């Protein structure tokens, strides 16, 4: 066998391994409610307030978990589904921004 074929095969296998790792990492983030609760608690503790805008919550999730914005929005949806955060509907009409309050 040619050595270039072996090198290309090894690079291909490493690429597939990285894709599978990234998939399993994102799936574990979405399934692990305790970790999500801990990270959301840290974000609220850093801000020292009970209300956080959606953008700040997204930025906090991106920083603490190392994910992109789309995954952060999915995790906010998961947190809302698990009643970890809820939108403060009384303030939407005044500021135009969605603010979330912590439920735990």
N, C-alpha and C. Protein backbone atom coordinates (compact mmCIF):
# COMPACT_ATOMS: atom_id res chain seq x y z
N UNK A 1 0.84 -1.18 0.00
CA UNK A 1 0.00 0.00 0.00
C UNK A 1 0.88 1.24 0.00
N UNK A 2 0.38 2.24 -0.62
CA UNK A 2 1.11 3.50 -0.70
C UNK A 2 1.00 4.24 0.64
N UNK A 3 2.05 4.89 1.06
CA UNK A 3 2.04 5.59 2.35
C UNK A 3 1.07 6.77 2.36
N UNK A 4 0.84 7.39 1.22
CA UNK A 4 -0.11 8.51 1.18
C UNK A 4 -1.54 8.03 1.42
N UNK A 5 -1.87 6.82 0.98
CA UNK A 5 -3.21 6.26 1.23
C UNK A 5 -3.39 6.00 2.72
N UNK A 6 -2.36 5.53 3.37
CA UNK A 6 -2.44 5.27 4.81
C UNK A 6 -2.61 6.58 5.58
N UNK A 7 -1.87 7.60 5.20
CA UNK A 7 -1.98 8.90 5.86
C UNK A 7 -3.36 9.50 5.67
N UNK A 8 -3.90 9.43 4.46
CA UNK A 8 -5.25 9.95 4.20
C UNK A 8 -6.27 9.15 5.01
N UNK A 9 -6.11 7.84 5.11
CA UNK A 9 -7.01 7.01 5.90
C UNK A 9 -6.98 7.38 7.38
N UNK A 10 -5.79 7.63 7.91
CA UNK A 10 -5.66 8.02 9.32
C UNK A 10 -6.31 9.38 9.57
N UNK A 11 -6.10 10.32 8.67
CA UNK A 11 -6.73 11.64 8.80
C UNK A 11 -8.24 11.51 8.73
N UNK A 12 -8.74 10.66 7.85
CA UNK A 12 -10.18 10.43 7.73
C UNK A 12 -10.75 9.84 9.02
N UNK A 13 -10.07 8.88 9.61
CA UNK A 13 -10.54 8.27 10.85
C UNK A 13 -10.51 9.26 12.01
N UNK A 14 -9.49 10.11 12.06
CA UNK A 14 -9.43 11.14 13.10
C UNK A 14 -10.60 12.12 12.94
N UNK A 15 -10.91 12.49 11.70
CA UNK A 15 -12.05 13.38 11.44
C UNK A 15 -13.36 12.77 11.88
N UNK A 16 -13.57 11.51 11.57
CA UNK A 16 -14.80 10.83 11.99
C UNK A 16 -14.87 10.75 13.51
N UNK A 17 -13.73 10.50 14.15
CA UNK A 17 -13.70 10.45 15.61
C UNK A 17 -14.07 11.78 16.23
N UNK A 18 -13.57 12.87 15.66
CA UNK A 18 -13.91 14.20 16.18
C UNK A 18 -15.39 14.52 16.02
N UNK A 19 -15.96 14.15 14.90
CA UNK A 19 -17.39 14.39 14.66
C UNK A 19 -18.23 13.59 15.66
N UNK A 20 -17.87 12.34 15.90
CA UNK A 20 -18.62 11.52 16.86
C UNK A 20 -18.47 12.06 18.28
N UNK A 21 -17.27 12.54 18.63
CA UNK A 21 -17.08 13.13 19.95
C UNK A 21 -17.93 14.38 20.14
N UNK A 22 -17.95 15.24 19.13
CA UNK A 22 -18.74 16.47 19.21
C UNK A 22 -20.23 16.16 19.34
N UNK A 23 -20.70 15.16 18.60
CA UNK A 23 -22.11 14.76 18.67
C UNK A 23 -22.45 14.23 20.07
N UNK A 24 -21.60 13.37 20.61
CA UNK A 24 -21.90 12.80 21.92
C UNK A 24 -21.80 13.87 23.02
N UNK A 25 -20.89 14.82 22.87
CA UNK A 25 -20.76 15.90 23.84
C UNK A 25 -22.01 16.78 23.86
N UNK A 26 -22.50 17.14 22.69
CA UNK A 26 -23.71 17.97 22.63
C UNK A 26 -24.92 17.20 23.14
N UNK A 27 -25.01 15.92 22.83
CA UNK A 27 -26.13 15.12 23.30
C UNK A 27 -26.10 15.01 24.82
N UNK A 28 -24.91 14.86 25.39
CA UNK A 28 -24.81 14.77 26.85
C UNK A 28 -25.18 16.09 27.51
N UNK A 29 -24.84 17.22 26.88
CA UNK A 29 -25.23 18.52 27.43
C UNK A 29 -26.74 18.67 27.46
N UNK A 30 -27.40 18.20 26.42
CA UNK A 30 -28.85 18.36 26.33
C UNK A 30 -29.57 17.42 27.30
N UNK A 31 -28.97 16.27 27.59
CA UNK A 31 -29.62 15.30 28.46
C UNK A 31 -29.32 15.50 29.94
N UNK A 32 -28.27 16.21 30.29
CA UNK A 32 -27.83 16.34 31.67
C UNK A 32 -28.44 17.60 32.30
N UNK A 33 -29.58 17.42 32.98
CA UNK A 33 -30.30 18.54 33.57
C UNK A 33 -29.56 19.09 34.79
N UNK A 34 -28.88 18.22 35.54
CA UNK A 34 -28.15 18.68 36.73
C UNK A 34 -27.01 19.63 36.35
N UNK A 35 -26.29 19.30 35.30
CA UNK A 35 -25.21 20.17 34.85
C UNK A 35 -25.77 21.51 34.35
N UNK A 36 -26.88 21.46 33.62
CA UNK A 36 -27.51 22.69 33.14
C UNK A 36 -27.97 23.56 34.31
N UNK A 37 -28.52 22.94 35.34
CA UNK A 37 -28.95 23.68 36.52
C UNK A 37 -27.76 24.33 37.21
N UNK A 38 -26.65 23.62 37.30
CA UNK A 38 -25.45 24.15 37.94
C UNK A 38 -24.89 25.34 37.16
N UNK A 39 -24.86 25.23 35.83
CA UNK A 39 -24.32 26.31 34.99
C UNK A 39 -25.22 27.54 35.05
N UNK A 40 -26.52 27.33 35.00
CA UNK A 40 -27.45 28.46 35.09
C UNK A 40 -27.34 29.14 36.45
N UNK A 41 -27.16 28.35 37.49
CA UNK A 41 -26.95 28.93 38.82
C UNK A 41 -25.69 29.78 38.88
N UNK A 42 -24.61 29.32 38.22
CA UNK A 42 -23.37 30.09 38.18
C UNK A 42 -23.56 31.39 37.42
N UNK A 43 -24.31 31.35 36.32
CA UNK A 43 -24.55 32.56 35.53
C UNK A 43 -25.32 33.59 36.34
N UNK A 44 -26.35 33.14 37.05
CA UNK A 44 -27.13 34.08 37.88
C UNK A 44 -26.29 34.59 39.05
N UNK A 45 -25.41 33.75 39.61
CA UNK A 45 -24.55 34.19 40.72
C UNK A 45 -23.54 35.23 40.25
N UNK A 46 -23.01 35.08 39.04
CA UNK A 46 -22.07 36.07 38.50
C UNK A 46 -22.74 37.42 38.29
N UNK A 47 -23.97 37.41 37.82
CA UNK A 47 -24.69 38.66 37.55
C UNK A 47 -25.27 39.27 38.81
N UNK A 48 -25.41 38.49 39.88
CA UNK A 48 -25.95 38.95 41.16
C UNK A 48 -27.32 39.59 41.03
N UNK A 49 -28.18 38.99 40.24
CA UNK A 49 -29.54 39.49 40.06
C UNK A 49 -30.47 38.32 39.78
N UNK A 50 -31.77 38.58 39.93
CA UNK A 50 -32.75 37.53 39.68
C UNK A 50 -33.28 37.55 38.27
N UNK A 51 -33.05 38.62 37.52
CA UNK A 51 -33.51 38.73 36.13
C UNK A 51 -32.30 38.92 35.21
N UNK A 52 -32.25 38.10 34.16
CA UNK A 52 -31.17 38.19 33.18
C UNK A 52 -31.81 38.22 31.80
N UNK A 53 -31.29 39.09 30.93
CA UNK A 53 -31.80 39.12 29.56
C UNK A 53 -31.39 37.86 28.83
N UNK A 54 -32.11 37.57 27.77
CA UNK A 54 -31.83 36.37 26.99
C UNK A 54 -30.42 36.40 26.40
N UNK A 55 -29.99 37.57 25.95
CA UNK A 55 -28.65 37.67 25.36
C UNK A 55 -27.56 37.36 26.39
N UNK A 56 -27.71 37.84 27.61
CA UNK A 56 -26.71 37.57 28.64
C UNK A 56 -26.73 36.10 29.05
N UNK A 57 -27.90 35.49 29.03
CA UNK A 57 -27.99 34.07 29.34
C UNK A 57 -27.33 33.24 28.24
N UNK A 58 -27.53 33.62 26.99
CA UNK A 58 -26.89 32.94 25.87
C UNK A 58 -25.37 33.08 25.98
N UNK A 59 -24.90 34.30 26.24
CA UNK A 59 -23.45 34.52 26.36
C UNK A 59 -22.86 33.73 27.51
N UNK A 60 -23.57 33.65 28.61
CA UNK A 60 -23.09 32.87 29.75
C UNK A 60 -22.99 31.40 29.44
N UNK A 61 -23.99 30.86 28.75
CA UNK A 61 -23.95 29.45 28.36
C UNK A 61 -22.82 29.19 27.38
N UNK A 62 -22.62 30.13 26.45
CA UNK A 62 -21.54 29.97 25.48
C UNK A 62 -20.18 29.96 26.17
N UNK A 63 -19.99 30.82 27.16
CA UNK A 63 -18.70 30.90 27.85
C UNK A 63 -18.47 29.67 28.72
N UNK A 64 -19.46 29.29 29.51
CA UNK A 64 -19.28 28.20 30.46
C UNK A 64 -19.25 26.82 29.82
N UNK A 65 -20.00 26.64 28.74
CA UNK A 65 -20.08 25.32 28.13
C UNK A 65 -19.30 25.19 26.82
N UNK A 66 -18.87 26.31 26.26
CA UNK A 66 -18.12 26.26 25.01
C UNK A 66 -18.96 25.80 23.83
N UNK A 67 -20.15 26.34 23.71
CA UNK A 67 -21.07 25.94 22.65
C UNK A 67 -21.38 27.15 21.78
N UNK A 68 -22.09 26.90 20.68
CA UNK A 68 -22.47 28.01 19.81
C UNK A 68 -23.84 28.55 20.23
N UNK A 69 -24.29 29.59 19.54
CA UNK A 69 -25.53 30.26 19.92
C UNK A 69 -26.76 29.38 19.71
N UNK A 70 -26.75 28.59 18.65
CA UNK A 70 -27.89 27.71 18.38
C UNK A 70 -28.06 26.69 19.50
N UNK A 71 -26.97 26.10 19.96
CA UNK A 71 -27.05 25.12 21.05
C UNK A 71 -27.45 25.80 22.35
N UNK A 72 -26.99 27.04 22.55
CA UNK A 72 -27.38 27.78 23.76
C UNK A 72 -28.89 28.03 23.77
N UNK A 73 -29.45 28.37 22.61
CA UNK A 73 -30.91 28.56 22.54
C UNK A 73 -31.65 27.26 22.81
N UNK A 74 -31.12 26.15 22.32
CA UNK A 74 -31.74 24.85 22.60
C UNK A 74 -31.70 24.55 24.10
N UNK A 75 -30.58 24.89 24.75
CA UNK A 75 -30.47 24.63 26.18
C UNK A 75 -31.38 25.54 26.99
N UNK A 76 -31.61 26.77 26.52
CA UNK A 76 -32.57 27.64 27.19
C UNK A 76 -33.96 27.04 27.07
N UNK A 77 -34.29 26.51 25.91
CA UNK A 77 -35.57 25.82 25.74
C UNK A 77 -35.69 24.62 26.66
N UNK A 78 -34.61 23.86 26.80
CA UNK A 78 -34.60 22.72 27.72
C UNK A 78 -34.78 23.19 29.16
N UNK A 79 -34.11 24.29 29.52
CA UNK A 79 -34.24 24.83 30.87
C UNK A 79 -35.67 25.31 31.14
N UNK A 80 -36.29 25.90 30.14
CA UNK A 80 -37.69 26.33 30.31
C UNK A 80 -38.60 25.11 30.46
N UNK A 81 -38.33 24.06 29.69
CA UNK A 81 -39.14 22.84 29.76
C UNK A 81 -38.99 22.17 31.13
N UNK A 82 -37.80 22.22 31.71
CA UNK A 82 -37.54 21.61 33.01
C UNK A 82 -37.84 22.56 34.17
N UNK A 83 -38.41 23.74 33.88
CA UNK A 83 -38.77 24.76 34.87
C UNK A 83 -37.57 25.26 35.67
N UNK A 84 -36.42 25.38 35.02
CA UNK A 84 -35.25 25.98 35.66
C UNK A 84 -35.29 27.49 35.54
N UNK A 85 -35.77 27.99 34.41
CA UNK A 85 -35.94 29.42 34.18
C UNK A 85 -37.31 29.64 33.58
N UNK A 86 -37.82 30.86 33.78
CA UNK A 86 -39.09 31.21 33.14
C UNK A 86 -39.03 32.68 32.72
N UNK A 87 -39.65 33.00 31.60
CA UNK A 87 -39.61 34.41 31.16
C UNK A 87 -40.46 35.29 32.05
N UNK A 88 -39.98 36.49 32.27
CA UNK A 88 -40.71 37.48 33.05
C UNK A 88 -41.59 38.26 32.07
N UNK A 89 -42.84 37.87 31.97
CA UNK A 89 -43.73 38.43 30.96
C UNK A 89 -44.20 39.84 31.28
N UNK A 90 -44.05 40.27 32.51
CA UNK A 90 -44.52 41.61 32.87
C UNK A 90 -43.62 42.71 32.31
N UNK A 91 -42.38 42.36 32.00
CA UNK A 91 -41.41 43.37 31.57
C UNK A 91 -41.21 43.41 30.05
N UNK A 92 -41.84 42.53 29.30
CA UNK A 92 -41.61 42.46 27.85
C UNK A 92 -42.10 43.71 27.15
N UNK A 93 -43.26 44.19 27.49
CA UNK A 93 -43.83 45.33 26.78
C UNK A 93 -43.06 46.63 27.05
N UNK A 94 -42.43 46.74 28.18
CA UNK A 94 -41.72 47.96 28.52
C UNK A 94 -40.38 48.07 27.79
N UNK A 95 -39.58 47.03 27.84
CA UNK A 95 -38.22 47.13 27.33
C UNK A 95 -38.04 46.49 25.95
N UNK A 96 -38.89 45.59 25.55
CA UNK A 96 -38.73 44.91 24.28
C UNK A 96 -37.78 43.73 24.35
N UNK A 97 -37.19 43.47 25.51
CA UNK A 97 -36.27 42.36 25.69
C UNK A 97 -36.92 41.32 26.59
N UNK A 98 -36.56 40.08 26.35
CA UNK A 98 -37.06 39.00 27.19
C UNK A 98 -36.09 38.82 28.34
N UNK A 99 -36.59 38.84 29.56
CA UNK A 99 -35.77 38.59 30.73
C UNK A 99 -36.23 37.30 31.38
N UNK A 100 -35.27 36.54 31.85
CA UNK A 100 -35.58 35.25 32.48
C UNK A 100 -35.28 35.33 33.97
N UNK A 101 -36.14 34.69 34.75
CA UNK A 101 -35.89 34.60 36.18
C UNK A 101 -35.67 33.14 36.55
N UNK A 102 -34.84 32.93 37.54
CA UNK A 102 -34.48 31.60 37.99
C UNK A 102 -35.58 31.02 38.86
N UNK A 103 -35.87 29.73 38.68
CA UNK A 103 -36.95 29.07 39.44
C UNK A 103 -36.43 28.15 40.52
N UNK A 104 -35.16 28.12 40.77
CA UNK A 104 -34.65 27.18 41.79
C UNK A 104 -33.80 27.90 42.80
